[in-house]
Structure formats: structure tokens, C-alpha cells
Protein backbone atom coordinates (compact mmCIF):
# COMPACT_ATOMS: atom_id res chain seq x y z
CA MET A 1 0.20 -0.25 -0.04
CA THR A 2 1.13 3.95 -0.76
CA VAL A 3 1.15 6.02 1.88
CA THR A 4 -1.02 8.55 0.68
CA VAL A 5 -1.96 11.81 2.87
CA ARG A 6 -3.38 15.04 3.07
CA PHE A 7 -3.75 19.00 3.93
CA ALA A 8 -6.41 20.00 3.95
CA PRO A 9 -7.16 24.05 5.03
CA SER A 10 -10.26 25.79 3.94
CA PRO A 11 -8.11 29.26 2.17
CA THR A 12 -10.35 31.76 3.99
CA GLY A 13 -7.57 33.03 5.77
CA ARG A 14 -3.54 32.36 6.20
CA ILE A 15 -2.07 29.68 8.22
CA HIS A 16 -0.88 29.90 11.26
CA ILE A 17 2.00 27.86 13.13
CA GLY A 18 -0.87 25.51 14.46
CA ASN A 19 -2.04 25.03 10.39
CA ALA A 20 1.99 24.36 9.64
CA ARG A 21 1.79 21.46 12.32
CA THR A 22 -0.36 19.05 10.69
CA ALA A 23 0.81 20.12 7.43
CA LEU A 24 4.70 19.24 8.60
CA PHE A 25 3.05 16.09 10.53
CA ASN A 26 1.54 15.29 6.99
CA TRP A 27 4.96 15.43 5.08
CA LEU A 28 7.08 13.97 8.21
CA PHE A 29 5.01 10.72 7.79
CA ALA A 30 5.04 10.89 3.84
CA LEU A 31 8.65 11.56 3.32
CA ASN A 32 9.50 8.65 6.31
CA ASN A 33 6.77 5.91 4.26
CA LYS A 34 8.38 7.32 0.69
CA GLY A 35 5.02 8.14 0.57
CA ARG A 36 2.53 10.92 -1.37
CA PHE A 37 0.97 14.29 -0.06
CA ILE A 38 -1.66 15.95 -1.17
CA GLN A 39 -2.16 19.64 -0.76
CA ARG A 40 -6.30 19.63 -0.82
CA PHE A 41 -8.18 23.28 -0.17
CA ASP A 42 -11.39 22.55 1.56
CA ASP A 43 -13.21 25.93 -0.41
CA THR A 44 -16.86 24.48 -0.63
CA ASP A 45 -17.85 28.04 1.41
CA ILE A 46 -17.75 30.02 -1.93
CA ALA A 47 -18.60 33.11 -0.04
CA ARG A 48 -14.98 32.66 2.20
CA SER A 49 -12.93 31.22 0.28
CA LYS A 50 -10.61 32.56 -1.42
CA GLN A 51 -8.27 31.90 -4.45
CA GLU A 52 -5.73 34.34 -3.35
CA PHE A 53 -5.41 32.63 0.09
CA SER A 54 -5.23 29.15 -1.78
CA ASP A 55 -2.01 30.88 -3.63
CA ALA A 56 -0.74 32.19 -0.22
CA ILE A 57 -0.69 28.54 1.68
CA LEU A 58 1.02 27.11 -0.89
CA TYR A 59 3.70 30.35 -0.91
CA ASP A 60 3.77 29.49 2.85
CA LEU A 61 4.21 25.79 2.42
CA HIS A 62 6.85 25.59 0.54
CA TRP A 63 8.52 28.26 2.22
CA LEU A 64 8.91 26.09 4.79
CA GLY A 65 9.73 23.21 3.08
CA ILE A 66 6.47 21.37 2.17
CA PHE A 67 6.61 20.79 -1.72
CA PRO A 68 2.89 18.84 -3.33
CA ASP A 69 2.93 16.03 -4.63
CA ALA A 70 -0.84 17.12 -6.07
CA THR A 71 -2.83 19.81 -5.31
CA GLU A 72 -7.34 20.07 -5.78
CA TYR A 73 -10.09 21.68 -4.64
CA GLN A 74 -13.09 20.51 -3.29
CA SER A 75 -15.25 23.19 -5.22
CA ARG A 76 -13.77 21.54 -8.23
CA ARG A 77 -15.56 18.35 -7.41
CA PHE A 78 -19.24 19.35 -6.69
CA GLU A 79 -19.91 16.21 -9.00
CA ILE A 80 -18.32 13.55 -7.64
CA TYR A 81 -20.42 14.97 -4.15
CA ASP A 82 -23.49 14.95 -5.42
CA ALA A 83 -23.05 11.53 -7.21
CA ALA A 84 -22.24 10.22 -3.15
CA VAL A 85 -24.93 12.25 -1.85
CA GLU A 86 -27.65 10.10 -4.43
CA ARG A 87 -26.20 7.23 -3.45
CA LEU A 88 -26.46 7.49 0.39
CA LYS A 89 -30.25 8.51 -0.57
CA ALA A 90 -31.37 5.34 -2.48
CA ALA A 91 -29.37 2.97 0.79
CA GLY A 92 -31.74 4.95 2.95
CA VAL A 93 -28.81 6.23 5.19
CA LEU A 94 -29.77 10.08 4.06
CA TYR A 95 -32.72 11.72 4.90
CA ALA A 96 -34.63 15.08 4.73
CA CYS A 97 -35.21 17.13 7.93
CA TYR A 98 -37.16 20.02 7.30
CA GLU A 99 -36.96 21.85 10.78
CA THR A 100 -35.92 25.55 11.31
CA PRO A 101 -33.36 26.41 13.74
CA GLU A 102 -35.80 28.10 16.41
CA GLU A 103 -37.42 24.64 16.55
CA LEU A 104 -33.85 22.79 16.84
CA ASP A 105 -33.17 25.33 19.67
CA LEU A 106 -36.76 24.74 21.33
CA ARG A 107 -35.87 20.81 21.09
CA ARG A 108 -32.83 21.13 22.64
CA LYS A 109 -34.21 22.75 25.43
CA VAL A 110 -36.82 20.31 26.24
CA ARG A 111 -34.61 17.07 25.77
CA ARG A 112 -32.31 19.28 28.34
CA THR A 113 -35.17 19.72 30.97
CA ARG A 114 -35.74 15.73 30.81
CA GLY A 115 -32.16 14.80 31.51
CA LEU A 116 -31.79 13.65 27.94
CA PRO A 117 -28.36 14.90 25.74
CA PRO A 118 -29.21 18.07 23.89
CA VAL A 119 -29.10 15.46 20.18
CA TYR A 120 -31.58 15.42 17.11
CA GLY A 121 -34.33 12.98 18.11
CA ARG A 122 -34.98 11.85 14.75
CA GLU A 123 -37.92 13.22 14.55
CA ALA A 124 -37.91 13.43 10.34
CA LEU A 125 -37.97 9.96 9.75
CA ALA A 126 -41.85 9.91 11.15
CA LEU A 127 -42.70 12.54 9.00
CA LYS A 128 -45.77 11.35 7.21
CA ARG A 129 -46.01 12.56 3.51
CA GLU A 130 -49.24 15.25 4.16
CA GLN A 131 -46.90 16.58 6.64
CA VAL A 132 -43.78 16.88 4.04
CA ALA A 133 -45.84 18.20 1.35
CA GLU A 134 -47.18 20.69 3.60
CA TYR A 135 -43.81 22.11 4.67
CA GLN A 136 -42.21 22.17 0.72
CA ALA A 137 -46.13 24.49 0.75
CA ASP A 138 -44.51 26.61 2.46
CA GLY A 139 -41.58 27.07 0.74
CA ARG A 140 -39.67 25.02 3.17
CA ARG A 141 -36.60 23.61 1.75
CA PRO A 142 -35.11 20.13 3.44
CA HIS A 143 -31.16 19.71 4.84
CA TRP A 144 -30.26 16.39 5.13
CA ARG A 145 -29.12 14.31 7.70
CA PHE A 146 -26.46 10.94 7.69
CA LEU A 147 -28.36 8.33 9.87
CA LEU A 148 -25.35 6.91 12.27
CA PRO A 149 -25.37 3.77 12.17
CA ASN A 150 -26.18 0.73 14.68
CA PHE A 151 -23.01 -1.58 14.39
CA SER A 152 -24.96 -4.55 16.03
CA SER A 153 -25.99 -7.01 12.94
CA ASP A 154 -27.50 -9.04 15.48
CA PRO A 155 -31.19 -8.56 16.32
CA GLN A 156 -31.09 -10.68 19.22
CA GLN A 157 -27.89 -8.16 20.68
CA PRO A 158 -28.23 -4.71 22.55
CA GLU A 159 -27.54 -1.84 19.76
CA ARG A 160 -23.70 -1.28 19.61
CA THR A 161 -23.16 2.59 18.90
CA GLU A 162 -19.52 2.60 20.05
CA VAL A 163 -16.54 3.42 17.29
CA HIS A 164 -13.18 1.72 17.69
CA TRP A 165 -9.70 2.61 16.23
CA ASN A 166 -5.59 2.29 16.88
CA ASP A 167 -4.87 5.77 16.67
CA LEU A 168 -1.30 6.49 15.55
CA VAL A 169 -0.77 9.21 18.14
CA ARG A 170 -3.02 8.21 20.73
CA GLY A 171 -3.52 4.63 20.78
CA GLU A 172 -6.81 2.87 21.42
CA GLU A 173 -10.22 5.91 20.71
CA THR A 174 -13.87 5.33 21.25
CA VAL A 175 -16.34 7.83 20.14
CA ASP A 176 -19.98 6.36 21.28
CA LEU A 177 -22.21 7.70 18.30
CA ALA A 178 -25.49 7.69 20.56
CA SER A 179 -24.01 10.60 22.19
CA LEU A 180 -23.96 12.66 18.88
CA SER A 181 -26.89 14.21 16.52
CA ASP A 182 -27.18 12.92 13.14
CA PRO A 183 -24.49 14.78 11.35
CA VAL A 184 -26.05 17.39 8.42
CA LEU A 185 -24.56 17.04 5.64
CA VAL A 186 -26.37 19.04 2.59
CA ARG A 187 -27.73 22.31 3.73
CA GLU A 188 -30.87 23.84 2.89
CA ASP A 189 -29.04 25.70 0.14
CA GLY A 190 -27.69 22.99 -1.45
CA THR A 191 -24.20 23.55 -0.46
CA TYR A 192 -21.77 21.03 1.83
CA LEU A 193 -20.66 20.64 5.44
CA TYR A 194 -16.77 19.58 5.86
CA THR A 195 -17.66 15.82 6.37
CA LEU A 196 -18.87 14.59 3.16
CA PRO A 197 -16.37 16.10 0.60
CA SER A 198 -13.72 15.01 3.29
CA VAL A 199 -14.43 11.43 3.38
CA VAL A 200 -15.36 11.22 -0.27
CA ASP A 201 -11.84 12.85 -1.51
CA ASP A 202 -10.29 10.63 0.87
CA ILE A 203 -11.89 7.65 -0.81
CA GLU A 204 -11.37 9.03 -4.27
CA MET A 205 -8.04 10.47 -4.11
CA GLY A 206 -6.80 6.75 -2.11
CA VAL A 207 -5.59 8.78 1.01
CA SER A 208 -4.20 6.54 3.82
CA HIS A 209 -3.47 8.20 6.51
CA VAL A 210 -5.45 10.88 7.70
CA ILE A 211 -3.72 13.07 10.39
CA ARG A 212 -4.93 16.12 11.91
CA GLY A 213 -5.47 17.74 15.48
CA ASP A 214 -6.75 16.33 17.95
CA ASP A 215 -10.57 18.37 17.59
CA HIS A 216 -11.62 16.16 15.27
CA VAL A 217 -11.74 13.37 17.42
CA THR A 218 -15.18 12.56 17.86
CA ASN A 219 -15.59 14.18 13.74
CA THR A 220 -14.01 10.71 13.13
CA GLY A 221 -16.47 8.35 14.57
CA VAL A 222 -19.20 9.83 12.32
CA GLN A 223 -16.51 9.64 9.48
CA ILE A 224 -15.47 6.80 10.00
CA ALA A 225 -19.71 5.63 10.17
CA LEU A 226 -19.45 7.87 6.44
CA PHE A 227 -16.71 5.34 4.89
CA LYS A 228 -18.72 2.85 5.74
CA ALA A 229 -21.69 3.69 4.73
CA LEU A 230 -20.39 4.57 0.98
CA GLY A 231 -18.89 1.06 1.34
CA ALA A 232 -14.86 2.31 1.52
CA GLU A 233 -12.42 1.20 4.18
CA PRO A 234 -11.39 3.98 6.36
CA PRO A 235 -7.76 5.60 6.26
CA VAL A 236 -6.10 4.85 9.52
CA PHE A 237 -6.16 7.93 11.29
CA GLY A 238 -3.90 10.33 14.11
CA HIS A 239 -4.73 13.32 16.01
CA HIS A 240 -1.84 15.44 17.49
CA ASN A 241 -2.06 17.56 20.37
CA LEU A 242 -2.75 21.27 19.26
CA LEU A 243 -0.92 24.29 19.48
CA THR A 244 -2.08 27.42 22.21
CA THR A 245 -0.60 30.77 22.42
CA ALA A 246 2.30 31.08 25.71
CA SER A 247 -0.73 32.74 27.53
CA GLY A 248 -2.78 29.32 26.75
CA GLU A 249 -5.47 30.94 24.36
CA GLY A 250 -6.18 28.89 20.50
CA LEU A 251 -4.90 30.16 17.38
CA SER A 252 -7.10 31.05 14.88
CA LYS A 253 -6.41 32.45 11.32
CA ARG A 254 -8.87 34.92 11.86
CA THR A 255 -6.53 36.84 14.40
CA GLY A 256 -3.04 36.25 12.37
CA ALA A 257 -2.44 34.85 15.83
CA LEU A 258 1.33 33.00 14.99
CA SER A 259 0.52 33.26 10.99
CA ILE A 260 3.48 31.55 9.32
CA GLU A 261 3.67 35.07 6.93
CA SER A 262 4.01 36.96 9.76
CA LEU A 263 7.35 34.27 11.34
CA ARG A 264 9.18 34.89 8.21
CA GLU A 265 8.60 38.76 7.44
CA ASP A 266 9.79 38.73 10.84
CA GLY A 267 13.02 37.32 10.08
CA ILE A 268 13.21 33.49 11.17
CA GLU A 269 14.25 30.61 9.52
CA PRO A 270 11.50 27.45 7.70
CA MET A 271 13.35 25.39 9.55
CA ALA A 272 13.09 27.36 12.68
CA VAL A 273 9.49 27.06 12.38
CA ALA A 274 9.02 23.81 11.70
CA SER A 275 11.63 22.24 14.42
CA LEU A 276 9.50 24.22 16.88
CA ALA A 277 6.03 23.07 15.71
CA VAL A 278 6.95 19.57 15.54
CA LEU A 279 8.80 18.58 18.18
CA VAL A 280 7.50 20.51 21.09
CA GLY A 281 4.59 18.85 22.90
CA THR A 282 6.58 15.85 21.90
CA SER A 283 9.07 13.28 24.07
CA GLU A 284 11.65 15.19 21.84
CA ASN A 285 14.10 17.51 22.78
CA VAL A 286 13.36 20.84 21.03
CA SER A 287 16.15 22.06 19.65
CA ALA A 288 17.55 23.48 16.10
CA VAL A 289 17.14 20.91 12.90
CA PRO A 290 18.98 22.08 9.66
CA THR A 291 17.18 19.95 7.16
CA MET A 292 14.11 18.48 6.67
CA PRO A 293 15.63 14.92 6.83
CA GLU A 294 17.16 15.06 9.55
CA LEU A 295 13.62 16.31 11.46
CA ALA A 296 12.01 13.85 9.73
CA GLU A 297 14.07 11.12 11.46
CA ARG A 298 13.49 12.92 15.17
CA PHE A 299 10.05 12.57 13.78
CA ASP A 300 7.72 10.07 15.64
CA PRO A 301 3.51 10.70 15.95
CA ALA A 302 3.28 8.20 18.95
CA ALA A 303 5.89 10.49 20.63
CA THR A 304 3.67 13.51 20.74
CA SER A 305 1.96 14.11 24.21
CA LYS A 306 -1.77 14.04 24.76
CA SER A 307 -2.43 17.45 26.44
CA ALA A 308 -2.52 20.91 24.59
CA ALA A 309 1.14 22.22 23.45
CA LYS A 310 1.99 25.91 24.52
CA PHE A 311 4.35 27.71 21.39
CA ASP A 312 6.20 30.76 22.48
CA PRO A 313 7.39 32.42 19.50
CA ASP A 314 10.86 33.75 21.42
CA GLU A 315 11.82 29.87 21.49
CA LEU A 316 11.61 30.53 17.86
CA PHE A 317 14.86 33.22 18.27
CA VAL A 318 16.82 30.52 20.01
CA LEU A 319 16.48 28.09 17.11
CA ASN A 320 17.04 30.86 14.65
CA ARG A 321 20.41 31.94 16.42
CA ALA A 322 21.47 28.22 16.40
CA LEU A 323 20.35 27.78 13.07
CA LEU A 324 22.55 31.09 11.83
CA HIS A 325 25.65 30.03 13.85
CA HIS A 326 25.97 26.48 12.03
CA MET A 327 24.61 27.68 8.48
CA PRO A 328 27.58 27.21 5.34
CA PHE A 329 27.34 30.09 3.76
CA SER A 330 26.62 28.28 0.29
CA GLU A 331 23.19 27.69 2.11
CA ALA A 332 23.34 31.51 2.93
CA ARG A 333 25.20 32.72 -0.11
CA ASP A 334 22.29 33.74 -2.71
CA ARG A 335 20.20 35.10 0.38
CA LEU A 336 23.24 37.40 0.75
CA ILE A 337 23.50 38.37 -2.44
CA VAL A 338 20.04 40.03 -2.47
CA LEU A 339 20.93 41.67 0.94
CA GLY A 340 23.66 42.98 -1.63
CA VAL A 341 25.84 41.07 0.80
CA SER A 342 28.83 39.70 -2.35
CA GLY A 343 32.55 39.91 -3.57
CA GLU A 344 35.07 37.92 -2.62
CA GLN A 345 35.01 39.04 0.74
CA ALA A 346 31.42 37.24 0.96
CA GLU A 347 31.91 33.63 2.28
CA PRO A 348 34.61 35.13 4.75
CA PHE A 349 32.28 38.09 6.55
CA TRP A 350 29.49 35.61 6.88
CA LEU A 351 31.76 33.19 8.44
CA ALA A 352 33.23 35.93 10.86
CA VAL A 353 29.73 37.64 11.34
CA ARG A 354 26.72 34.31 11.83
CA GLY A 355 28.10 33.73 14.87
CA ASN A 356 26.40 37.43 16.51
CA LEU A 357 23.03 37.45 13.68
CA ASP A 358 19.09 37.04 16.10
CA ARG A 359 18.33 37.13 11.86
CA LEU A 360 20.06 36.71 8.63
CA ALA A 361 18.88 40.22 7.41
CA ASP A 362 21.08 41.49 10.26
CA ALA A 363 24.18 40.67 8.28
CA VAL A 364 23.52 43.88 6.58
CA ASN A 365 24.17 45.74 9.23
CA TRP A 366 27.75 44.30 10.19
CA TRP A 367 28.48 44.29 6.03
CA ARG A 368 28.34 48.52 6.34
CA ILE A 369 30.11 49.12 9.26
CA LEU A 370 33.06 46.43 6.73
CA ARG A 371 32.54 49.17 4.10
CA GLU A 372 31.56 51.97 5.51
CA GLY A 373 32.66 52.07 9.36
CA PRO A 374 31.03 52.95 12.29
CA GLN A 375 27.80 54.06 11.90
CA GLU A 376 27.40 56.74 14.75
CA LYS A 377 30.97 58.12 15.32
CA PRO A 378 31.55 56.70 19.27
CA GLU A 379 32.67 59.06 21.69
CA PHE A 380 36.03 58.78 24.03
CA SER A 381 37.76 60.04 26.90
CA ASP A 382 40.94 62.23 26.41
CA ASP A 383 42.72 59.05 27.93
CA ASP A 384 41.50 56.59 25.49
CA ARG A 385 41.82 59.04 22.54
CA ASP A 386 46.17 59.08 23.37
CA PHE A 387 45.50 55.44 23.82
CA LEU A 388 43.86 54.74 20.47
CA SER A 389 46.11 57.16 18.54
CA GLN A 390 49.42 55.59 20.03
CA ALA A 391 47.62 52.03 18.83
CA PHE A 392 46.54 53.13 15.45
CA ASP A 393 50.57 54.48 14.86
CA LEU A 394 51.51 50.53 15.65
CA LEU A 395 49.02 49.55 13.30
CA PRO A 396 51.58 46.80 11.03
CA GLU A 397 52.10 47.58 7.54
CA GLU A 398 50.89 45.42 4.49
CA PRO A 399 50.93 42.21 3.97
CA TRP A 400 49.02 40.86 6.69
CA GLY A 401 48.57 37.62 7.56
CA GLY A 402 45.64 35.89 9.66
CA THR A 403 47.61 36.31 12.91
CA ILE A 404 47.69 40.15 12.48
CA TRP A 405 44.72 41.09 15.49
CA LYS A 406 47.00 39.29 17.70
CA ASP A 407 50.26 40.77 16.41
CA TRP A 408 48.88 44.08 16.25
CA THR A 409 47.60 44.17 19.81
CA GLY A 410 50.72 42.62 21.49
CA LYS A 411 52.86 46.02 20.36
CA ILE A 412 49.75 47.90 21.93
CA ARG A 413 50.10 46.09 24.80
CA GLU A 414 53.65 46.27 25.24
CA ALA A 415 53.65 50.45 24.44
CA THR A 416 51.37 51.19 26.58
CA GLY A 417 51.09 48.54 29.69
CA ARG A 418 46.86 48.58 28.45
CA LYS A 419 45.96 44.73 28.62
CA GLY A 420 42.19 42.89 29.02
CA LYS A 421 39.00 45.32 28.39
CA ALA A 422 40.88 48.71 28.45
CA LEU A 423 42.75 47.43 25.55
CA PHE A 424 40.59 46.09 23.58
CA MET A 425 37.17 48.01 24.42
CA PRO A 426 38.34 51.52 22.75
CA LEU A 427 39.72 49.28 19.73
CA ARG A 428 36.04 47.45 19.02
CA LEU A 429 34.29 50.80 19.52
CA ALA A 430 36.68 52.50 17.14
CA LEU A 431 36.78 49.80 14.71
CA THR A 432 32.92 49.18 14.67
CA GLY A 433 31.56 51.72 16.88
CA LEU A 434 30.06 49.18 18.80
CA PRO A 435 29.97 47.59 22.19
CA SER A 436 30.16 43.84 21.15
CA GLY A 437 29.95 41.86 18.13
CA PRO A 438 31.84 40.00 16.11
CA GLU A 439 35.28 38.55 16.40
CA LEU A 440 38.31 41.81 15.57
CA ALA A 441 40.65 38.79 14.61
CA ASP A 442 38.24 38.01 11.61
CA LEU A 443 37.29 41.06 10.76
CA LEU A 444 40.74 42.81 10.80
CA PRO A 445 41.82 41.33 7.37
CA LEU A 446 39.12 42.28 5.59
CA MET A 447 39.17 46.08 6.34
CA GLY A 448 42.66 45.73 5.50
CA ARG A 449 44.93 48.44 6.46
CA GLU A 450 43.42 51.51 4.18
CA GLY A 451 40.14 50.34 6.40
CA THR A 452 41.25 50.13 9.55
CA LEU A 453 43.32 53.41 8.98
CA ALA A 454 40.41 55.14 8.29
CA ARG A 455 37.96 54.24 11.49
CA ARG A 456 40.98 56.30 13.28
CA PRO A 457 39.52 59.00 15.78
């Protein structure tokens, strides 16, 4: 069996880190099993779904390192869903209901007062033809409910309404369908709710594993029943824990909370996002994983906790720095060129400054300092100014070797008697204008003797 997974968001906004967690779980599972990844857009809500959001989601996935094998749109597959509806009607498991929202709400309240669960009582199954004709004459249009099954085939045995499955993440799971209302699959206007298109597409596209958030556990019980009603074997299901904000709030596409777009614009590396999104809330230690294949090796769905995991953006910057500090020049080169960092000095410059970067774009500031000198002239005391005047007089002639910084500061120490911070801090301020930064031993050869002397106070 070929492993086939899918990621099926609604294109009604930009995806956030929680959505990306689901996409990454599926992508890594496919990688580990040499399987297929289908990007499927649940865009049956024509009013709210927009192509611009579909395009943006694909862009975000590509940025993360996820490249679907196929892209599908549910809005282009209505004929397939229509055919499935007719099959369910013919089988007698999809039935018409004419209640208004107000009537349904009243019935729920009545059931609660009687100590009964507020589920739909299947009153529509007892409607007479005359009643249906009266509703239709009044202009009512039906919505259609799926008749949740009794799984017991033996009339002598009590009803068995529990659905069981071995969850890829959570282990043995059970949903009791008796506690649920028969779900509406088709609205009064003929449009589809999530459940039917999702199941039909999973069947038609050969989806073998469905990995999604644990807010879908109850839905899975219903969907397994629907798979069987359509004569299909259900896929393997896995439900991972959800991510919340650091304060414990849920994530929402509508608010843009921790959207992939905002993280990218904030200069976060895609593998920092992927590492934290996948490893947080699991038994794995959260650390910066530099490549997707390496992250796939550390990925185990069963290692995921059952409780929600808090996503702290501050952790992203820790991982971001770790990735940058070890990023080879070959990986950074093209992005540096876009930022204006190029030429023979680009590689040694990158190796010199990468250990001091929070974001890759911060390299531009150091490139400017290297080429132009301090952006703001530091102020020195008279003693430091005299010290620097003497120090710059001692600057060796070219050619310079790799030990030029050590050689120069050694001469300064002998001539002035200064050492430690009293020696190095005035030099750092004069050369860079900043009290901290990359090793001056690495920067000095890039400045050259002329460039160094130009920084003399």
C-alpha cells in the first residue's frame, strides 16, 4: 500500500503555526514512508474561500519546505459529491429534515429539561407525506442528515453504537455515536458541510492516513461510519495535540496569530519554525534541526503528548540563532546577494559575523560597518583618545596574515601597558562603533590596513 496523506485547510485566511504543525506532521510521515502528500483545499464555502488565500497557503508551505505531489480544490469536485449523496439516499441513510433553527433550539432545550442529551431526536424519520407536502408548500427546503448506524447485526443483541480505532498518535480511541446528533451533510441551499466532501475525497484520492488535530476526534467516529456507508475501508487516523499561544489561547487564522507570513516577515528561518512546530509537545527535546530529512528522522507521531502544547515565539529566536550560527555560506550565499553582500569578501565575512546574528538580514548592518566604518562615531575620553592615537601608530604594514589582530594588540600591550577590557574595548568601539560583535581577529583582515586607519578617531 502506498502511503498517501493530505493537508486540507479552508482557504479563508493565512495559515498559522498550528495549521503548519498538521501540514508538517503529514509531510514528515510521507517522507518517512516514501509516500504522497496531497494539498487539498476545502473551498466549498464559496463566499469565504478565496484563490489568493490558496496561493498564499501554497507559498507558505513551499517556504517551510513542503512540496505537494498534487493540489486539489473541492470546489471543482461537486459532481462527485452529488453522486455520493444519491448513493446515500438510495441506501436510506441520508434523510430530509425540515426543522428551522428555532425549532431545533427549542427541542434541545426540552431534552435538557428532561435530563436527556441535547441531540437530534430523528423526528424527521417519522414525517408523513402530508407533513412533507405542507412544509414544501410553505417554501421550506430540507437539510439532509446522515443516519448514524447501529453496528450490531444481530437483532438479539443490544445496539452497539461505539466506534473504535487504533489512533496513530493516541492509541486506542472510542467514540460513542449515541451521544451525537445525526450530522447534517447537506444544507438547505444544497451546499455541503465539511464531513461529506472530506470523506468522499479521501476515498477517491486513495488517502491511506489522515493526520490532523485532536479537535477532530469526535468527527472521526462519524466519518468512519460514513466511510463504511459508502462501502470504503476507513484510512488510519492520527490526532495530534493542538498548539496554543504562550498564554494558553487558541490560534486563529482570522486573527493572524502566529501566522507563517508574520514569522517569515520577522526574519525567522523556516527550519526554526518547522523544528519548534514539530517537536514542541512531544517527548523529543526541542532543538534547531537544520534540514527536513533530519527532522523526519526525529519525527514519531506516537511521541506526541495528549495535552495541548504552548508555542512560545521567544523559543523561535533561540532556534533561529542556533541555525544561523552554523549555517554554511553555500546556504546563505544567494540570500546575501539579494541583501547586497557579494564579492570575494562575502564568504569570510559571513563566517565572521554569523555567530552574532539573530536574523540573517542583520548581516547587512555588519556589512555596512565593514565597508563604511561605524555608523555613529563613538565618543572617547581624553585618555582613550591618546591611547587610540598611539595604537593606530603601531598598526603593522601590509601584507597581513591571519595573525594580524594578535600581532597588533601584542605591540599595543607592550607600548601602553594596557590589557583586557581597557585595551580591547576602545579598539572595538573605534573599529565598529559597537561594544560587542564578531571577533575582531576575523574582521580586521577584511577591513585592510587602509580601511582600518580610516577608523582612527
